[in-house]
C-alpha cells in the first residue's frame, strides 16, 4: 500500500471528507481492520482565504508548496490537494516536490470521458468558475464545461464560504442550487460537476435527475486505485 499525502485545511470540512472516505474506501476494498497509510498537513484557512481575497496567489502557492515538501519528507508516495479552488497553484506545488500530484481536474475529466459526456456543468467557488485553471484543464482532454450565469456567482460563493465550510446545511440553499442545476441542464449540460468538496454535503444524486459527478468522491477513488495498485 502506498502512502497518500494530503494537503488540507481548505476547509477542515473538506479535509474531514477526504480522511473519512479514504478510510471507508480501504475498509470496503480490503476488509477487516485495514486503513490507509496517510500523511496529512493542514493549513490555516483564514490565512489562505485572506491571501486569496488580496489575490496573492504566489504566496498561497509558496504556503502550499511548503506543506507539500513536509508531506513528502514524512513519507508520502503521491500528493493530493483536498480542495478545488486552490488547485489554481497546483503547478507551483507540484514543482516543489519529487512525488507526483494526483490532479483533481484530470481525475474528473477522465470520469466525464468514461461516462460519454460531451458537455457538463461546473458549480463551485467564484475563482474556480471564472478562471480556466480547473475547468479549462478538464476541457483539454474531456467535455466542454459550462458554468452558471455570472449573476449567480457571488451568491454561490457566499453559500460555500458562509454556510458549507462551517458545516451548515440549509434547505433553502439546497433548493436554490438544485434550481441552478436545472437551468444548466436546460442549457445543454449532460451532467453536473460538484466542484467544491462542501457542495457534496449539500447536493446528492437524489436531488436532481441530471447525472451528478461528485469531484471529491472521484478524487478519493482514484487515490485508492493508485495506493492499492
Protein backbone atom coordinates (compact mmCIF):
# COMPACT_ATOMS: atom_id res chain seq x y z
CA UNK A 1 0.00 0.00 0.00
CA UNK A 2 1.38 3.40 -0.99
CA UNK A 3 1.24 6.31 1.43
CA UNK A 4 -1.16 9.06 0.38
CA UNK A 5 -0.10 12.65 1.09
CA UNK A 6 -2.87 15.16 1.77
CA UNK A 7 -2.74 18.96 1.89
CA UNK A 8 -5.88 20.03 3.72
CA UNK A 9 -7.43 22.74 5.83
CA UNK A 10 -9.26 24.35 2.87
CA UNK A 11 -11.68 23.91 4.66
CA UNK A 12 -11.40 21.42 7.53
CA UNK A 13 -14.84 20.17 6.49
CA UNK A 14 -13.29 19.20 3.18
CA UNK A 15 -10.32 17.53 4.87
CA UNK A 16 -12.72 15.55 7.05
CA UNK A 17 -14.49 14.16 3.99
CA UNK A 18 -11.20 13.13 2.39
CA UNK A 19 -9.95 11.45 5.57
CA UNK A 20 -13.24 9.67 6.23
CA UNK A 21 -13.79 8.47 2.67
CA UNK A 22 -10.24 7.23 2.20
CA UNK A 23 -10.60 5.16 5.36
CA UNK A 24 -14.03 3.85 4.36
CA UNK A 25 -12.75 3.05 0.90
CA UNK A 26 -9.83 0.97 2.13
CA UNK A 27 -12.09 -0.88 4.55
CA UNK A 28 -14.55 -1.67 1.77
CA UNK A 29 -11.80 -2.89 -0.54
CA UNK A 30 -9.63 -4.81 1.91
CA UNK A 31 -11.96 -5.55 4.82
CA UNK A 32 -11.06 -6.34 8.40
CA UNK A 33 -9.20 -3.61 10.25
CA UNK A 34 -7.49 -2.24 7.14
CA UNK A 35 -6.95 1.50 6.89
CA UNK A 36 -4.93 3.69 4.51
CA UNK A 37 -1.43 4.98 5.05
CA UNK A 38 -1.84 8.76 5.15
CA UNK A 39 0.24 11.87 5.79
CA UNK A 40 -1.90 14.96 6.32
CA UNK A 41 -0.75 18.57 6.59
CA UNK A 42 -3.39 21.25 7.14
CA UNK A 43 -3.04 24.99 6.64
CA UNK A 44 -4.81 27.89 8.32
CA UNK A 45 -7.88 28.53 6.18
CA UNK A 46 -8.15 32.10 7.44
CA UNK A 47 -4.63 32.86 6.24
CA UNK A 48 -5.20 31.25 2.86
CA UNK A 49 -8.52 32.97 2.22
CA UNK A 50 -7.06 36.33 3.27
CA UNK A 51 -4.34 35.88 0.67
CA UNK A 52 -6.98 34.81 -1.84
CA UNK A 53 -9.00 37.96 -1.20
CA UNK A 54 -5.85 40.01 -1.84
CA UNK A 55 -5.10 37.92 -4.96
CA UNK A 56 -1.68 36.96 -3.59
CA UNK A 57 -1.61 33.63 -5.35
CA UNK A 58 2.18 33.37 -5.40
CA UNK A 59 2.15 33.46 -1.61
CA UNK A 60 -0.58 30.84 -1.49
CA UNK A 61 1.50 28.69 -3.80
CA UNK A 62 4.53 29.05 -1.54
CA UNK A 63 2.48 28.17 1.53
CA UNK A 64 1.00 25.04 -0.03
CA UNK A 65 4.31 24.06 -1.61
CA UNK A 66 5.97 24.20 1.82
CA UNK A 67 3.22 21.94 3.17
CA UNK A 68 3.78 19.55 0.28
CA UNK A 69 7.50 19.35 0.98
CA UNK A 70 6.70 18.42 4.58
CA UNK A 71 4.31 15.72 3.44
CA UNK A 72 6.90 14.31 1.05
CA UNK A 73 9.53 14.24 3.80
CA UNK A 74 7.06 12.40 6.03
CA UNK A 75 6.98 9.53 3.53
CA UNK A 76 4.11 10.20 1.11
CA UNK A 77 4.34 8.41 -2.25
CA UNK A 78 2.00 10.81 -4.03
CA UNK A 79 0.15 14.02 -3.24
CA UNK A 80 -3.43 15.29 -3.23
CA UNK A 81 -4.79 18.79 -2.66
CA UNK A 82 -8.02 18.49 -0.64
CA UNK A 83 -9.55 21.46 -2.42
CA UNK A 84 -10.71 22.56 -5.86
CA UNK A 85 -10.18 26.31 -5.71
CA UNK A 86 -6.57 26.14 -4.61
CA UNK A 87 -5.66 23.86 -7.50
CA UNK A 88 -5.03 27.26 -9.05
CA UNK A 89 -1.49 26.90 -7.65
CA UNK A 90 -1.21 23.16 -8.32
CA UNK A 91 1.66 23.58 -10.77
CA UNK A 92 3.67 25.54 -8.19
CA UNK A 93 3.00 22.86 -5.59
CA UNK A 94 3.89 20.00 -7.95
CA UNK A 95 7.16 21.69 -8.89
CA UNK A 96 8.25 21.80 -5.23
CA UNK A 97 8.25 18.02 -4.72
CA UNK A 98 9.59 14.90 -6.38
CA UNK A 99 6.44 12.84 -5.81
CA UNK A 100 3.53 13.04 -8.29
CA UNK A 101 0.46 15.19 -7.73
CA UNK A 102 -2.86 13.47 -8.41
CA UNK A 103 -4.59 16.45 -10.03
CA UNK A 104 -8.33 16.63 -9.39
CA UNK A 105 -9.17 18.08 -12.81
CA UNK A 106 -7.50 15.14 -14.58
CA UNK A 107 -9.47 12.67 -12.48
CA UNK A 108 -12.75 14.46 -13.20
CA UNK A 109 -12.01 14.79 -16.91
CA UNK A 110 -11.32 11.06 -17.16
CA UNK A 111 -14.58 10.26 -15.34
CA UNK A 112 -16.60 12.50 -17.66
CA UNK A 113 -14.98 10.95 -20.74
CA UNK A 114 -15.66 7.45 -19.43
CA UNK A 115 -19.32 8.41 -18.96
CA UNK A 116 -19.55 9.65 -22.54
CA UNK A 117 -20.16 13.29 -21.62
CA UNK A 118 -19.88 15.94 -24.35
CA UNK A 119 -20.91 18.90 -22.18
CA UNK A 120 -21.03 19.22 -18.40
CA UNK A 121 -21.85 22.00 -15.96
CA UNK A 122 -19.50 23.07 -13.19
CA UNK A 123 -20.53 24.74 -9.93
CA UNK A 124 -18.05 25.88 -7.31
CA UNK A 125 -16.40 29.00 -5.96
CA UNK A 126 -16.19 32.21 -7.96
CA UNK A 127 -12.48 31.69 -8.58
CA UNK A 128 -12.98 28.14 -9.87
CA UNK A 129 -15.90 29.15 -12.11
CA UNK A 130 -14.22 32.25 -13.58
CA UNK A 131 -10.62 31.10 -14.01
CA UNK A 132 -9.63 28.44 -16.59
CA UNK A 133 -7.07 26.72 -14.33
CA UNK A 134 -9.58 23.96 -13.50
CA UNK A 135 -12.43 23.88 -15.99
CA UNK A 136 -10.01 24.61 -18.82
CA UNK A 137 -7.89 21.64 -17.83
CA UNK A 138 -10.97 19.40 -17.81
CA UNK A 139 -11.96 20.59 -21.28
CA UNK A 140 -8.48 19.99 -22.73
CA UNK A 141 -8.99 16.25 -22.88
CA UNK A 142 -12.62 15.91 -21.94
CA UNK A 143 -16.04 17.53 -22.36
CA UNK A 144 -17.00 21.15 -22.86
CA UNK A 145 -17.61 22.80 -19.48
CA UNK A 146 -20.23 25.45 -18.81
CA UNK A 147 -20.82 27.45 -15.62
CA UNK A 148 -23.83 29.33 -14.22
CA UNK A 149 -24.56 32.87 -15.39
CA UNK A 150 -22.35 35.44 -13.70
CA UNK A 151 -25.32 36.80 -11.73
CA UNK A 152 -25.28 33.62 -9.63
CA UNK A 153 -21.57 33.52 -8.83
CA UNK A 154 -21.47 35.83 -5.83
CA UNK A 155 -24.42 34.12 -4.17
CA UNK A 156 -22.98 30.64 -4.74
CA UNK A 157 -19.59 31.71 -3.39
CA UNK A 158 -21.26 33.21 -0.31
CA UNK A 159 -23.19 29.99 0.31
CA UNK A 160 -19.97 27.98 0.19
CA UNK A 161 -17.93 30.26 2.45
CA UNK A 162 -20.75 31.45 4.68
CA UNK A 163 -22.54 28.13 5.26
CA UNK A 164 -20.95 24.98 3.91
CA UNK A 165 -17.37 25.44 5.13
CA UNK A 166 -18.89 25.77 8.61
CA UNK A 167 -20.89 22.57 8.18
CA UNK A 168 -24.21 24.42 7.88
CA UNK A 169 -26.62 22.63 5.54
CA UNK A 170 -29.53 24.92 4.70
CA UNK A 171 -32.57 23.58 2.83
CA UNK A 172 -33.23 26.95 1.20
CA UNK A 173 -29.72 26.92 -0.24
CA UNK A 174 -30.16 23.35 -1.49
CA UNK A 175 -33.36 24.27 -3.30
CA UNK A 176 -31.70 27.24 -4.98
CA UNK A 177 -28.68 25.17 -6.06
CA UNK A 178 -30.98 22.49 -7.48
CA UNK A 179 -32.83 25.18 -9.44
CA UNK A 180 -29.47 26.40 -10.73
CA UNK A 181 -28.58 22.86 -11.81
CA UNK A 182 -31.90 22.65 -13.68
CA UNK A 183 -31.00 25.86 -15.56
CA UNK A 184 -27.68 24.34 -16.57
CA UNK A 185 -29.49 21.20 -17.72
CA UNK A 186 -31.70 23.38 -19.90
CA UNK A 187 -28.50 24.96 -21.29
CA UNK A 188 -27.39 21.58 -22.58
CA UNK A 189 -25.34 20.08 -19.77
CA UNK A 190 -25.36 16.29 -19.66
CA UNK A 191 -24.07 16.19 -16.10
CA UNK A 192 -23.06 18.49 -13.26
CA UNK A 193 -19.68 18.64 -11.53
CA UNK A 194 -19.85 19.42 -7.83
CA UNK A 195 -16.63 21.40 -7.96
CA UNK A 196 -16.26 22.03 -4.27
CA UNK A 197 -16.00 19.34 -1.60
CA UNK A 198 -18.51 21.10 0.62
CA UNK A 199 -21.13 21.04 -2.15
CA UNK A 200 -21.18 17.26 -1.78
CA UNK A 201 -22.51 17.82 1.73
CA UNK A 202 -25.45 19.72 0.22
CA UNK A 203 -26.30 18.06 -3.10
CA UNK A 204 -26.86 14.34 -3.68
CA UNK A 205 -27.88 12.44 -6.80
CA UNK A 206 -31.37 12.09 -5.32
CA UNK A 207 -31.80 15.87 -5.54
CA UNK A 208 -31.68 16.04 -9.34
CA UNK A 209 -32.26 13.86 -12.41
CA UNK A 210 -29.13 15.27 -14.04
CA UNK A 211 -26.13 12.94 -13.52
CA UNK A 212 -24.00 14.24 -10.66
CA UNK A 213 -20.21 13.97 -10.66
CA UNK A 214 -19.03 14.38 -7.04
CA UNK A 215 -15.46 15.54 -7.63
CA UNK A 216 -14.11 14.69 -4.17
CA UNK A 217 -15.54 11.18 -4.31
CA UNK A 218 -13.93 10.65 -7.71
CA UNK A 219 -10.61 12.00 -6.36
CA UNK A 220 -10.74 9.62 -3.41
CA UNK A 221 -11.49 6.61 -5.61
CA UNK A 222 -8.60 7.50 -7.93
CA UNK A 223 -6.28 7.80 -4.93
CA UNK A 224 -7.35 4.40 -3.64
CA UNK A 225 -6.80 2.85 -7.07
CA UNK A 226 -3.28 4.25 -7.06
CA UNK A 227 -2.42 3.43 -3.47
CA UNK A 228 -3.66 -0.15 -3.70
CA UNK A 229 -2.44 -0.97 -7.21
